[in-house]
């Protein structure tokens, strides 16, 4: 099934929730809608599902106009943030409900297979209220998978789970999606989740669709500063600079030897991902002395906030490191790892990266 949205908008009263945008999610792949809260992700998914009708524009399925066709007349599976299950039915009957509606045979065996895939086979005789939040969401996911719909919409399905549950279920979903042939639309606020799920990513902000393409391409080559901000966690370090002969002169800091394309002049913005900064110097690295403002350990990484001559920077260091607040620190980076955005906030230079298959 090929879903296509052409120049769709959504207005509610005087408010514009979605500005004109077009997208044709890749058939049989995962498309992640990435953006902050109120970016427009849920509004766009509701148009895809048929829960809402666009104010302008068209929704097409395999070239046929289905704009305004209600969700009950479309073959769509949905999973929400909340754990939505039938409270009066056992887990087995919850999962099996779409199978029975379709009149399928061997329902019990198919329910058991799905439940085992999502590690809830031991709970089939229980009711949703007897399960934890993570287990209830697994039931909702199993029921959505049982529907075997050509379009599966997941609206931040893991947001209400604790960190450990979220990590485990995220990895399982990646494997489940890889073995299915549904077109999957997955909304999230987390850049890391988009990278893990792979596939394709559509970056949204304030009701606008900013960029859509293969996830790795959108991450490594954000078309604008807005995309770079949205697709970076922790936030990309942004430094003011000016295009000069031979590169970019940072305000209050060193000159970066970067070859700029023709037409890039005047004020520019340098972007540095936190992972590009280090405390050990490499050959030809740029040095930025400063002092430690904050150091926090997250998992196996250490995030160091440092006040430098070009402003506050955040460095992501592999491993556990100890830093005393207020002590001197020098952060190093290679000029080749810097992004350059022109005065119009468009991408001018991006670090080199290897595309899959290169």
C-alpha atoms as a PDB file:
ATOM      1  CA  UNK A   1       0.000   0.000   0.000  1.00  0.00           C
ATOM      2  CA  UNK A   2       1.357   3.404  -0.971  1.00  0.00           C
ATOM      3  CA  UNK A   3       0.139   6.271   1.207  1.00  0.00           C
ATOM      4  CA  UNK A   4       0.571   9.775  -0.202  1.00  0.00           C
ATOM      5  CA  UNK A   5      -0.337  13.127   1.309  1.00  0.00           C
ATOM      6  CA  UNK A   6      -0.385  16.045  -1.138  1.00  0.00           C
ATOM      7  CA  UNK A   7      -0.208  19.631   0.126  1.00  0.00           C
ATOM      8  CA  UNK A   8      -2.290  18.842   3.215  1.00  0.00           C
ATOM      9  CA  UNK A   9      -3.034  21.474   5.852  1.00  0.00           C
ATOM     10  CA  UNK A  10      -4.990  21.435   9.093  1.00  0.00           C
ATOM     11  CA  UNK A  11      -6.618  24.474  10.676  1.00  0.00           C
ATOM     12  CA  UNK A  12      -8.708  24.507  13.846  1.00  0.00           C
ATOM     13  CA  UNK A  13     -10.493  27.817  14.225  1.00  0.00           C
ATOM     14  CA  UNK A  14      -7.949  30.574  13.754  1.00  0.00           C
ATOM     15  CA  UNK A  15      -5.040  28.253  14.563  1.00  0.00           C
ATOM     16  CA  UNK A  16      -2.940  26.476  11.955  1.00  0.00           C
ATOM     17  CA  UNK A  17      -1.866  23.067  13.215  1.00  0.00           C
ATOM     18  CA  UNK A  18      -0.300  21.880   9.958  1.00  0.00           C
ATOM     19  CA  UNK A  19       1.152  24.077   7.222  1.00  0.00           C
ATOM     20  CA  UNK A  20       1.123  22.856   3.594  1.00  0.00           C
ATOM     21  CA  UNK A  21       3.170  19.671   3.343  1.00  0.00           C
ATOM     22  CA  UNK A  22       3.520  16.609   1.154  1.00  0.00           C
ATOM     23  CA  UNK A  23       4.904  13.203   2.045  1.00  0.00           C
ATOM     24  CA  UNK A  24       4.792   9.710   0.561  1.00  0.00           C
ATOM     25  CA  UNK A  25       6.145   7.355   3.254  1.00  0.00           C
ATOM     26  CA  UNK A  26       8.198   4.520   1.823  1.00  0.00           C
ATOM     27  CA  UNK A  27       6.039   1.403   1.363  1.00  0.00           C
ATOM     28  CA  UNK A  28       6.930  -1.477   3.682  1.00  0.00           C
ATOM     29  CA  UNK A  29       9.424   0.592   5.695  1.00  0.00           C
ATOM     30  CA  UNK A  30       9.468   2.488   8.977  1.00  0.00           C
ATOM     31  CA  UNK A  31       9.018   6.251   8.757  1.00  0.00           C
ATOM     32  CA  UNK A  32       9.739   8.128  11.973  1.00  0.00           C
ATOM     33  CA  UNK A  33       7.971  11.443  12.578  1.00  0.00           C
ATOM     34  CA  UNK A  34      10.504  13.292  14.727  1.00  0.00           C
ATOM     35  CA  UNK A  35       9.783  16.546  16.497  1.00  0.00           C
ATOM     36  CA  UNK A  36       9.164  18.237  19.817  1.00  0.00           C
ATOM     37  CA  UNK A  37       5.777  18.273  21.530  1.00  0.00           C
ATOM     38  CA  UNK A  38       3.233  20.195  19.397  1.00  0.00           C
ATOM     39  CA  UNK A  39       5.390  19.855  16.285  1.00  0.00           C
ATOM     40  CA  UNK A  40       2.368  18.440  14.444  1.00  0.00           C
ATOM     41  CA  UNK A  41       3.173  14.719  14.548  1.00  0.00           C
ATOM     42  CA  UNK A  42      -0.155  13.543  15.975  1.00  0.00           C
ATOM     43  CA  UNK A  43      -2.127  15.903  13.713  1.00  0.00           C
ATOM     44  CA  UNK A  44      -0.382  14.456  10.662  1.00  0.00           C
ATOM     45  CA  UNK A  45      -0.970  10.873  11.817  1.00  0.00           C
ATOM     46  CA  UNK A  46      -4.670  11.574  12.333  1.00  0.00           C
ATOM     47  CA  UNK A  47      -4.900  12.685   8.697  1.00  0.00           C
ATOM     48  CA  UNK A  48      -3.094   9.514   7.601  1.00  0.00           C
ATOM     49  CA  UNK A  49      -5.505   7.345   9.600  1.00  0.00           C
ATOM     50  CA  UNK A  50      -8.695   9.108   8.542  1.00  0.00           C
ATOM     51  CA  UNK A  51      -9.488  10.286  12.065  1.00  0.00           C
ATOM     52  CA  UNK A  52      -9.419  13.877  10.752  1.00  0.00           C
ATOM     53  CA  UNK A  53      -9.941  15.448   7.344  1.00  0.00           C
ATOM     54  CA  UNK A  54      -7.361  17.932   6.040  1.00  0.00           C
ATOM     55  CA  UNK A  55      -8.495  21.535   5.666  1.00  0.00           C
ATOM     56  CA  UNK A  56      -6.783  21.559   2.281  1.00  0.00           C
ATOM     57  CA  UNK A  57      -4.968  18.950   0.227  1.00  0.00           C
ATOM     58  CA  UNK A  58      -5.495  15.261  -0.548  1.00  0.00           C
ATOM     59  CA  UNK A  59      -4.824  11.888   1.051  1.00  0.00           C
ATOM     60  CA  UNK A  60      -4.223   9.111  -1.481  1.00  0.00           C
ATOM     61  CA  UNK A  61      -3.907   5.341  -1.058  1.00  0.00           C
ATOM     62  CA  UNK A  62      -2.448   3.590  -4.114  1.00  0.00           C
ATOM     63  CA  UNK A  63      -3.383   6.651  -6.151  1.00  0.00           C
ATOM     64  CA  UNK A  64      -7.020   6.658  -5.027  1.00  0.00           C
ATOM     65  CA  UNK A  65      -8.339   9.748  -3.234  1.00  0.00           C
ATOM     66  CA  UNK A  66      -9.450   8.710   0.268  1.00  0.00           C
ATOM     67  CA  UNK A  67      -9.650  12.230   1.702  1.00  0.00           C
ATOM     68  CA  UNK A  68     -12.527  12.244   4.158  1.00  0.00           C
ATOM     69  CA  UNK A  69     -12.941   8.449   4.178  1.00  0.00           C
ATOM     70  CA  UNK A  70     -13.381   7.648   7.903  1.00  0.00           C
ATOM     71  CA  UNK A  71     -10.957   5.430   9.795  1.00  0.00           C
ATOM     72  CA  UNK A  72     -13.499   2.615  10.172  1.00  0.00           C
ATOM     73  CA  UNK A  73     -13.477   2.208   6.394  1.00  0.00           C
ATOM     74  CA  UNK A  74      -9.687   2.013   6.215  1.00  0.00           C
ATOM     75  CA  UNK A  75      -7.432  -0.870   7.162  1.00  0.00           C
ATOM     76  CA  UNK A  76      -5.263   0.897   9.730  1.00  0.00           C
ATOM     77  CA  UNK A  77      -3.743  -0.271  13.026  1.00  0.00           C
ATOM     78  CA  UNK A  78      -2.950   2.291  15.722  1.00  0.00           C
ATOM     79  CA  UNK A  79      -1.064   2.276  19.026  1.00  0.00           C
ATOM     80  CA  UNK A  80      -1.204   5.300  21.321  1.00  0.00           C
ATOM     81  CA  UNK A  81       0.799   6.639  24.271  1.00  0.00           C
ATOM     82  CA  UNK A  82      -1.880   5.361  26.643  1.00  0.00           C
ATOM     83  CA  UNK A  83      -2.351   1.644  27.202  1.00  0.00           C
ATOM     84  CA  UNK A  84      -5.636   1.133  25.326  1.00  0.00           C
ATOM     85  CA  UNK A  85      -6.989  -2.400  25.789  1.00  0.00           C
ATOM     86  CA  UNK A  86     -10.422  -3.954  26.360  1.00  0.00           C
ATOM     87  CA  UNK A  87     -10.564  -4.147  30.176  1.00  0.00           C
ATOM     88  CA  UNK A  88     -13.254  -6.862  30.272  1.00  0.00           C
ATOM     89  CA  UNK A  89     -11.337  -9.219  27.962  1.00  0.00           C
ATOM     90  CA  UNK A  90      -8.369 -11.412  28.814  1.00  0.00           C
ATOM     91  CA  UNK A  91      -5.020 -10.736  27.176  1.00  0.00           C
ATOM     92  CA  UNK A  92      -5.648 -13.606  24.771  1.00  0.00           C
ATOM     93  CA  UNK A  93      -9.024 -12.220  23.715  1.00  0.00           C
ATOM     94  CA  UNK A  94      -7.609  -8.695  23.392  1.00  0.00           C
ATOM     95  CA  UNK A  95      -4.930  -9.904  20.978  1.00  0.00           C
ATOM     96  CA  UNK A  96      -7.306 -12.216  19.139  1.00  0.00           C
ATOM     97  CA  UNK A  97     -10.107  -9.677  18.631  1.00  0.00           C
ATOM     98  CA  UNK A  98      -8.975  -8.443  15.165  1.00  0.00           C
ATOM     99  CA  UNK A  99      -8.333 -12.038  14.073  1.00  0.00           C
ATOM    100  CA  UNK A 100     -11.874 -13.083  15.025  1.00  0.00           C
ATOM    101  CA  UNK A 101     -13.355 -10.037  13.290  1.00  0.00           C
ATOM    102  CA  UNK A 102     -11.651 -11.179  10.086  1.00  0.00           C
ATOM    103  CA  UNK A 103     -12.939 -14.718  10.617  1.00  0.00           C
ATOM    104  CA  UNK A 104      -9.461 -16.221  10.620  1.00  0.00           C
ATOM    105  CA  UNK A 105      -8.774 -19.823  11.576  1.00  0.00           C
ATOM    106  CA  UNK A 106      -6.288 -21.055  14.176  1.00  0.00           C
ATOM    107  CA  UNK A 107      -6.776 -17.898  16.228  1.00  0.00           C
ATOM    108  CA  UNK A 108      -5.378 -19.412  19.421  1.00  0.00           C
ATOM    109  CA  UNK A 109      -2.141 -20.471  17.741  1.00  0.00           C
ATOM    110  CA  UNK A 110      -1.663 -17.049  16.127  1.00  0.00           C
ATOM    111  CA  UNK A 111      -2.371 -15.296  19.432  1.00  0.00           C
ATOM    112  CA  UNK A 112       0.196 -17.500  21.181  1.00  0.00           C
ATOM    113  CA  UNK A 113       2.800 -16.756  18.479  1.00  0.00           C
ATOM    114  CA  UNK A 114       2.336 -12.982  18.792  1.00  0.00           C
ATOM    115  CA  UNK A 115       2.278 -13.114  22.580  1.00  0.00           C
ATOM    116  CA  UNK A 116       5.499 -15.100  22.665  1.00  0.00           C
ATOM    117  CA  UNK A 117       7.175 -12.627  20.293  1.00  0.00           C
ATOM    118  CA  UNK A 118       6.338  -9.825  22.739  1.00  0.00           C
ATOM    119  CA  UNK A 119       7.145 -11.898  25.827  1.00  0.00           C
ATOM    120  CA  UNK A 120       3.613 -11.896  27.249  1.00  0.00           C
ATOM    121  CA  UNK A 121       2.724 -15.530  26.592  1.00  0.00           C
ATOM    122  CA  UNK A 122       2.519 -16.252  30.313  1.00  0.00           C
ATOM    123  CA  UNK A 123      -0.179 -13.574  30.777  1.00  0.00           C
ATOM    124  CA  UNK A 124      -2.750 -14.752  28.232  1.00  0.00           C
ATOM    125  CA  UNK A 125      -5.342 -15.666  30.875  1.00  0.00           C
ATOM    126  CA  UNK A 126      -4.972 -12.413  32.814  1.00  0.00           C
ATOM    127  CA  UNK A 127      -6.900  -9.164  32.427  1.00  0.00           C
ATOM    128  CA  UNK A 128      -5.186  -5.862  31.473  1.00  0.00           C
ATOM    129  CA  UNK A 129      -5.682  -4.403  34.977  1.00  0.00           C
ATOM    130  CA  UNK A 130      -3.534  -7.239  36.359  1.00  0.00           C
ATOM    131  CA  UNK A 131      -0.541  -6.220  34.206  1.00  0.00           C
ATOM    132  CA  UNK A 132       2.161  -3.574  34.543  1.00  0.00           C
ATOM    133  CA  UNK A 133       2.249  -0.589  32.200  1.00  0.00           C
ATOM    134  CA  UNK A 134       4.909  -2.181  30.022  1.00  0.00           C
ATOM    135  CA  UNK A 135       2.965  -5.425  29.768  1.00  0.00           C
ATOM    136  CA  UNK A 136      -0.255  -3.571  28.888  1.00  0.00           C
ATOM    137  CA  UNK A 137       1.514  -1.727  26.088  1.00  0.00           C
ATOM    138  CA  UNK A 138       2.856  -5.036  24.778  1.00  0.00           C
ATOM    139  CA  UNK A 139      -0.748  -6.295  24.633  1.00  0.00           C
ATOM    140  CA  UNK A 140      -1.778  -3.202  22.640  1.00  0.00           C
ATOM    141  CA  UNK A 141       1.167  -3.736  20.269  1.00  0.00           C
ATOM    142  CA  UNK A 142       0.329  -7.418  19.832  1.00  0.00           C
ATOM    143  CA  UNK A 143      -3.289  -6.558  18.971  1.00  0.00           C
ATOM    144  CA  UNK A 144      -2.122  -3.986  16.420  1.00  0.00           C
ATOM    145  CA  UNK A 145       0.230  -6.531  14.850  1.00  0.00           C
ATOM    146  CA  UNK A 146      -2.579  -9.119  14.804  1.00  0.00           C
ATOM    147  CA  UNK A 147      -4.644  -6.801  12.636  1.00  0.00           C
ATOM    148  CA  UNK A 148      -1.942  -7.186   9.953  1.00  0.00           C
ATOM    149  CA  UNK A 149      -2.959  -3.837   8.482  1.00  0.00           C
ATOM    150  CA  UNK A 150      -0.958  -2.422   5.561  1.00  0.00           C
ATOM    151  CA  UNK A 151      -0.604   0.839   7.550  1.00  0.00           C
ATOM    152  CA  UNK A 152       0.468   0.829  11.198  1.00  0.00           C
ATOM    153  CA  UNK A 153       0.581   4.089  13.163  1.00  0.00           C
ATOM    154  CA  UNK A 154       2.373   4.328  16.511  1.00  0.00           C
ATOM    155  CA  UNK A 155       2.053   7.637  18.354  1.00  0.00           C
ATOM    156  CA  UNK A 156       4.894   7.760  20.908  1.00  0.00           C
ATOM    157  CA  UNK A 157       3.990   4.254  22.131  1.00  0.00           C
ATOM    158  CA  UNK A 158       6.859   3.996  24.631  1.00  0.00           C
ATOM    159  CA  UNK A 159       6.720   7.458  26.208  1.00  0.00           C
ATOM    160  CA  UNK A 160       4.862   6.355  29.351  1.00  0.00           C
ATOM    161  CA  UNK A 161       7.211   3.467  30.109  1.00  0.00           C
ATOM    162  CA  UNK A 162      10.259   3.641  32.345  1.00  0.00           C
ATOM    163  CA  UNK A 163      13.725   3.855  30.799  1.00  0.00           C
ATOM    164  CA  UNK A 164      14.651   0.165  31.067  1.00  0.00           C
ATOM    165  CA  UNK A 165      11.329  -1.058  29.658  1.00  0.00           C
ATOM    166  CA  UNK A 166      11.516   1.512  26.873  1.00  0.00           C
ATOM    167  CA  UNK A 167      15.007   0.427  25.808  1.00  0.00           C
ATOM    168  CA  UNK A 168      14.103  -3.267  25.718  1.00  0.00           C
ATOM    169  CA  UNK A 169      10.821  -2.829  23.861  1.00  0.00           C
ATOM    170  CA  UNK A 170      12.388  -0.416  21.370  1.00  0.00           C
ATOM    171  CA  UNK A 171      14.911  -3.050  20.301  1.00  0.00           C
ATOM    172  CA  UNK A 172      12.172  -5.666  19.985  1.00  0.00           C
ATOM    173  CA  UNK A 173      10.063  -3.334  17.841  1.00  0.00           C
ATOM    174  CA  UNK A 174      12.999  -2.769  15.502  1.00  0.00           C
ATOM    175  CA  UNK A 175      13.203  -6.530  14.914  1.00  0.00           C
ATOM    176  CA  UNK A 176       9.411  -6.905  14.548  1.00  0.00           C
ATOM    177  CA  UNK A 177       9.184  -4.112  11.981  1.00  0.00           C
ATOM    178  CA  UNK A 178      12.067  -5.616  10.004  1.00  0.00           C
ATOM    179  CA  UNK A 179      10.168  -8.890   9.552  1.00  0.00           C
ATOM    180  CA  UNK A 180       6.808  -7.337   8.582  1.00  0.00           C
ATOM    181  CA  UNK A 181       5.614  -5.776   5.336  1.00  0.00           C
ATOM    182  CA  UNK A 182       3.409  -3.021   6.757  1.00  0.00           C
ATOM    183  CA  UNK A 183       4.144   0.645   6.219  1.00  0.00           C
ATOM    184  CA  UNK A 184       4.947   1.814   9.745  1.00  0.00           C
ATOM    185  CA  UNK A 185       4.652   5.439  10.906  1.00  0.00           C
ATOM    186  CA  UNK A 186       6.253   5.985  14.307  1.00  0.00           C
ATOM    187  CA  UNK A 187       6.079   9.337  16.131  1.00  0.00           C
ATOM    188  CA  UNK A 188       8.717  10.282  18.702  1.00  0.00           C
ATOM    189  CA  UNK A 189      10.359  13.275  20.334  1.00  0.00           C
ATOM    190  CA  UNK A 190      13.662  11.413  20.748  1.00  0.00           C
ATOM    191  CA  UNK A 191      16.400  11.627  18.073  1.00  0.00           C
ATOM    192  CA  UNK A 192      18.033   8.496  19.507  1.00  0.00           C
ATOM    193  CA  UNK A 193      14.846   6.530  18.896  1.00  0.00           C
ATOM    194  CA  UNK A 194      14.766   7.646  15.262  1.00  0.00           C
ATOM    195  CA  UNK A 195      18.380   6.536  14.788  1.00  0.00           C
ATOM    196  CA  UNK A 196      17.723   3.155  16.372  1.00  0.00           C
ATOM    197  CA  UNK A 197      14.602   2.462  14.312  1.00  0.00           C
ATOM    198  CA  UNK A 198      16.430   3.458  11.118  1.00  0.00           C
ATOM    199  CA  UNK A 199      14.383   3.463   7.936  1.00  0.00           C
ATOM    200  CA  UNK A 200      13.239   6.965   7.051  1.00  0.00           C
ATOM    201  CA  UNK A 201      12.747  10.091   9.141  1.00  0.00           C
ATOM    202  CA  UNK A 202      10.501  13.124   8.660  1.00  0.00           C
ATOM    203  CA  UNK A 203      11.558  16.042  10.860  1.00  0.00           C
ATOM    204  CA  UNK A 204       8.704  18.286  11.983  1.00  0.00           C
ATOM    205  CA  UNK A 205       8.657  21.608  13.812  1.00  0.00           C
ATOM    206  CA  UNK A 206       5.778  23.953  14.665  1.00  0.00           C
ATOM    207  CA  UNK A 207       3.421  22.358  12.140  1.00  0.00           C
ATOM    208  CA  UNK A 208       5.926  22.257   9.284  1.00  0.00           C
ATOM    209  CA  UNK A 209       7.511  19.237   7.631  1.00  0.00           C
ATOM    210  CA  UNK A 210      11.145  20.315   7.323  1.00  0.00           C
ATOM    211  CA  UNK A 211      12.898  17.313   5.752  1.00  0.00           C
ATOM    212  CA  UNK A 212      12.133  13.702   4.815  1.00  0.00           C
ATOM    213  CA  UNK A 213      14.552  11.025   3.702  1.00  0.00           C
ATOM    214  CA  UNK A 214      16.640   8.055   4.835  1.00  0.00           C
ATOM    215  CA  UNK A 215      17.299   8.491   8.555  1.00  0.00           C
ATOM    216  CA  UNK A 216      21.095   8.467   8.276  1.00  0.00           C
ATOM    217  CA  UNK A 217      20.992  11.065   5.490  1.00  0.00           C
ATOM    218  CA  UNK A 218      18.703  13.424   7.420  1.00  0.00           C
ATOM    219  CA  UNK A 219      20.898  13.074  10.518  1.00  0.00           C
ATOM    220  CA  UNK A 220      24.241  13.584   8.789  1.00  0.00           C
ATOM    221  CA  UNK A 221      23.081  16.196   6.271  1.00  0.00           C
ATOM    222  CA  UNK A 222      20.312  18.303   7.883  1.00  0.00           C
ATOM    223  CA  UNK A 223      19.124  20.770   5.267  1.00  0.00           C
ATOM    224  CA  UNK A 224      18.690  23.596   7.759  1.00  0.00           C
ATOM    225  CA  UNK A 225      19.550  24.768  11.242  1.00  0.00           C
ATOM    226  CA  UNK A 226      15.998  23.920  12.348  1.00  0.00           C
ATOM    227  CA  UNK A 227      16.456  20.295  11.282  1.00  0.00           C
ATOM    228  CA  UNK A 228      19.850  20.124  12.984  1.00  0.00           C
ATOM    229  CA  UNK A 229      18.350  21.430  16.225  1.00  0.00           C
ATOM    230  CA  UNK A 230      15.504  18.913  16.112  1.00  0.00           C
ATOM    231  CA  UNK A 231      17.697  15.945  15.196  1.00  0.00           C
ATOM    232  CA  UNK A 232      20.371  16.223  17.860  1.00  0.00           C
ATOM    233  CA  UNK A 233      20.444  14.990  21.454  1.00  0.00           C
ATOM    234  CA  UNK A 234      22.013  16.581  23.369  1.00  0.00           C
ATOM    235  CA  UNK A 235      21.370  19.764  21.358  1.00  0.00           C
ATOM    236  CA  UNK A 236      23.966  20.617  18.740  1.00  0.00           C
ATOM    237  CA  UNK A 237      26.513  23.196  19.915  1.00  0.00           C
ATOM    238  CA  UNK A 238      25.941  26.352  17.844  1.00  0.00           C
ATOM    239  CA  UNK A 239      28.655  29.004  17.493  1.00  0.00           C
ATOM    240  CA  UNK A 240      28.458  32.378  15.783  1.00  0.00           C
ATOM    241  CA  UNK A 241      31.033  33.040  13.096  1.00  0.00           C
ATOM    242  CA  UNK A 242      31.848  34.962   9.965  1.00  0.00           C
ATOM    243  CA  UNK A 243      32.974  33.744   6.558  1.00  0.00           C
ATOM    244  CA  UNK A 244      36.530  34.921   5.855  1.00  0.00           C
ATOM    245  CA  UNK A 245      39.257  34.029   3.390  1.00  0.00           C
ATOM    246  CA  UNK A 246      40.309  30.461   4.168  1.00  0.00           C
ATOM    247  CA  UNK A 247      37.408  29.488   6.412  1.00  0.00           C
ATOM    248  CA  UNK A 248      35.257  30.727   9.294  1.00  0.00           C
ATOM    249  CA  UNK A 249      36.295  33.117  12.046  1.00  0.00           C
ATOM    250  CA  UNK A 250      34.519  32.259  15.291  1.00  0.00           C
ATOM    251  CA  UNK A 251      33.324  35.193  17.361  1.00  0.00           C
ATOM    252  CA  UNK A 252      35.783  35.508  20.217  1.00  0.00           C
ATOM    253  CA  UNK A 253      37.647  32.406  19.121  1.00  0.00           C
ATOM    254  CA  UNK A 254      39.941  30.826  16.535  1.00  0.00           C
ATOM    255  CA  UNK A 255      39.618  30.624  12.772  1.00  0.00           C
ATOM    256  CA  UNK A 256      38.448  27.295  11.378  1.00  0.00           C
ATOM    257  CA  UNK A 257      40.073  26.194   8.107  1.00  0.00           C
ATOM    258  CA  UNK A 258      36.951  25.117   6.217  1.00  0.00           C
ATOM    259  CA  UNK A 259      36.438  25.301   2.452  1.00  0.00           C
ATOM    260  CA  UNK A 260      33.187  27.213   1.959  1.00  0.00           C
ATOM    261  CA  UNK A 261      31.030  26.951  -1.181  1.00  0.00           C
ATOM    262  CA  UNK A 262      30.717  29.950  -3.469  1.00  0.00           C
ATOM    263  CA  UNK A 263      28.121  32.423  -2.278  1.00  0.00           C
ATOM    264  CA  UNK A 264      28.562  31.772   1.451  1.00  0.00           C
ATOM    265  CA  UNK A 265      29.539  35.072   3.007  1.00  0.00           C
ATOM    266  CA  UNK A 266      28.896  37.254   6.038  1.00  0.00           C
ATOM    267  CA  UNK A 267      27.449  35.751   9.202  1.00  0.00           C
ATOM    268  CA  UNK A 268      27.386  31.969   9.505  1.00  0.00           C
ATOM    269  CA  UNK A 269      26.638  29.455  12.263  1.00  0.00           C
ATOM    270  CA  UNK A 270      28.992  26.623  13.133  1.00  0.00           C
ATOM    271  CA  UNK A 271      27.359  23.439  14.427  1.00  0.00           C
ATOM    272  CA  UNK A 272      29.254  20.876  16.489  1.00  0.00           C
ATOM    273  CA  UNK A 273      27.677  17.682  17.746  1.00  0.00           C
ATOM    274  CA  UNK A 274      28.621  16.917  21.336  1.00  0.00           C
ATOM    275  CA  UNK A 275      30.308  13.696  20.197  1.00  0.00           C
ATOM    276  CA  UNK A 276      32.715  15.723  18.016  1.00  0.00           C
ATOM    277  CA  UNK A 277      34.302  17.314  21.092  1.00  0.00           C
ATOM    278  CA  UNK A 278      37.034  15.575  23.078  1.00  0.00           C
ATOM    279  CA  UNK A 279      39.439  16.218  25.936  1.00  0.00           C
ATOM    280  CA  UNK A 280      42.354  14.641  24.062  1.00  0.00           C
ATOM    281  CA  UNK A 281      43.961  16.514  21.188  1.00  0.00           C
ATOM    282  CA  UNK A 282      44.264  14.942  17.767  1.00  0.00           C
ATOM    283  CA  UNK A 283      46.569  16.110  15.008  1.00  0.00           C
ATOM    284  CA  UNK A 284      45.444  19.486  13.674  1.00  0.00           C
ATOM    285  CA  UNK A 285      42.596  19.826  16.202  1.00  0.00           C
ATOM    286  CA  UNK A 286      41.174  23.183  17.247  1.00  0.00           C
ATOM    287  CA  UNK A 287      41.579  23.909  20.982  1.00  0.00           C
ATOM    288  CA  UNK A 288      38.946  25.712  23.055  1.00  0.00           C
ATOM    289  CA  UNK A 289      40.052  26.345  26.659  1.00  0.00           C
ATOM    290  CA  UNK A 290      37.414  26.853  29.328  1.00  0.00           C
ATOM    291  CA  UNK A 291      36.170  25.706  32.705  1.00  0.00           C
ATOM    292  CA  UNK A 292      33.820  22.932  33.807  1.00  0.00           C
ATOM    293  CA  UNK A 293      30.296  24.122  34.616  1.00  0.00           C
ATOM    294  CA  UNK A 294      28.638  20.711  34.989  1.00  0.00           C
ATOM    295  CA  UNK A 295      29.524  17.045  34.497  1.00  0.00           C
ATOM    296  CA  UNK A 296      26.863  14.341  34.383  1.00  0.00           C
ATOM    297  CA  UNK A 297      27.112  10.607  33.774  1.00  0.00           C
ATOM    298  CA  UNK A 298      24.415   8.969  31.650  1.00  0.00           C
ATOM    299  CA  UNK A 299      24.786   5.256  31.008  1.00  0.00           C
ATOM    300  CA  UNK A 300      28.278   4.678  29.691  1.00  0.00           C
ATOM    301  CA  UNK A 301      28.843   8.312  28.639  1.00  0.00           C
ATOM    302  CA  UNK A 302      29.858  11.483  30.441  1.00  0.00           C
ATOM    303  CA  UNK A 303      28.399  14.845  29.388  1.00  0.00           C
ATOM    304  CA  UNK A 304      30.601  17.816  30.229  1.00  0.00           C
ATOM    305  CA  UNK A 305      29.243  21.373  30.098  1.00  0.00           C
ATOM    306  CA  UNK A 306      32.073  23.871  29.752  1.00  0.00           C
ATOM    307  CA  UNK A 307      32.144  27.664  29.524  1.00  0.00           C
ATOM    308  CA  UNK A 308      34.638  28.602  26.791  1.00  0.00           C
ATOM    309  CA  UNK A 309      35.717  31.740  24.988  1.00  0.00           C
ATOM    310  CA  UNK A 310      33.106  30.997  22.258  1.00  0.00           C
ATOM    311  CA  UNK A 311      30.257  30.239  24.695  1.00  0.00           C
ATOM    312  CA  UNK A 312      28.956  27.204  26.569  1.00  0.00           C
ATOM    313  CA  UNK A 313      29.674  23.849  24.940  1.00  0.00           C
ATOM    314  CA  UNK A 314      28.520  20.330  25.757  1.00  0.00           C
ATOM    315  CA  UNK A 315      30.904  17.439  25.093  1.00  0.00           C
ATOM    316  CA  UNK A 316      29.833  13.790  25.056  1.00  0.00           C
ATOM    317  CA  UNK A 317      32.724  11.622  26.224  1.00  0.00           C
ATOM    318  CA  UNK A 318      32.727   7.849  26.015  1.00  0.00           C
ATOM    319  CA  UNK A 319      33.193   6.203  29.411  1.00  0.00           C
ATOM    320  CA  UNK A 320      32.913   7.495  32.957  1.00  0.00           C
ATOM    321  CA  UNK A 321      35.019  10.599  33.680  1.00  0.00           C
ATOM    322  CA  UNK A 322      35.314  12.690  36.824  1.00  0.00           C
ATOM    323  CA  UNK A 323      35.531  16.479  36.631  1.00  0.00           C
ATOM    324  CA  UNK A 324      35.592  18.994  39.455  1.00  0.00           C
ATOM    325  CA  UNK A 325      33.296  21.969  38.903  1.00  0.00           C
ATOM    326  CA  UNK A 326      35.160  25.165  38.086  1.00  0.00           C
ATOM    327  CA  UNK A 327      38.357  23.409  37.027  1.00  0.00           C
ATOM    328  CA  UNK A 328      40.143  24.240  33.787  1.00  0.00           C
ATOM    329  CA  UNK A 329      39.389  22.105  30.748  1.00  0.00           C
ATOM    330  CA  UNK A 330      40.329  22.259  27.073  1.00  0.00           C
ATOM    331  CA  UNK A 331      37.993  20.829  24.479  1.00  0.00           C
ATOM    332  CA  UNK A 332      39.332  19.783  21.089  1.00  0.00           C
ATOM    333  CA  UNK A 333      37.651  19.159  17.757  1.00  0.00           C
ATOM    334  CA  UNK A 334      38.593  18.683  14.133  1.00  0.00           C
ATOM    335  CA  UNK A 335      37.431  21.425  11.756  1.00  0.00           C
ATOM    336  CA  UNK A 336      36.295  18.623   9.422  1.00  0.00           C
ATOM    337  CA  UNK A 337      33.622  17.696  12.008  1.00  0.00           C
ATOM    338  CA  UNK A 338      31.973  21.125  11.885  1.00  0.00           C
ATOM    339  CA  UNK A 339      28.689  21.927  10.166  1.00  0.00           C
ATOM    340  CA  UNK A 340      28.332  25.340   8.554  1.00  0.00           C
ATOM    341  CA  UNK A 341      24.948  27.028   8.126  1.00  0.00           C
ATOM    342  CA  UNK A 342      24.735  30.212   6.048  1.00  0.00           C
ATOM    343  CA  UNK A 343      23.043  33.492   6.987  1.00  0.00           C
ATOM    344  CA  UNK A 344      19.701  32.031   5.865  1.00  0.00           C
ATOM    345  CA  UNK A 345      20.232  29.031   8.202  1.00  0.00           C
ATOM    346  CA  UNK A 346      20.629  26.647   5.249  1.00  0.00           C
ATOM    347  CA  UNK A 347      23.250  23.905   5.316  1.00  0.00           C
ATOM    348  CA  UNK A 348      26.418  24.965   3.507  1.00  0.00           C
ATOM    349  CA  UNK A 349      28.957  22.383   4.722  1.00  0.00           C
ATOM    350  CA  UNK A 350      28.510  19.020   6.459  1.00  0.00           C
ATOM    351  CA  UNK A 351      31.125  16.561   7.743  1.00  0.00           C
ATOM    352  CA  UNK A 352      31.860  13.683   5.395  1.00  0.00           C
ATOM    353  CA  UNK A 353      30.004  10.444   6.165  1.00  0.00           C
ATOM    354  CA  UNK A 354      29.653   7.043   4.563  1.00  0.00           C
ATOM    355  CA  UNK A 355      26.313   6.212   3.012  1.00  0.00           C
ATOM    356  CA  UNK A 356      25.116   2.643   3.323  1.00  0.00           C
ATOM    357  CA  UNK A 357      26.511   0.662   0.422  1.00  0.00           C
ATOM    358  CA  UNK A 358      29.378   3.096  -0.282  1.00  0.00           C
END
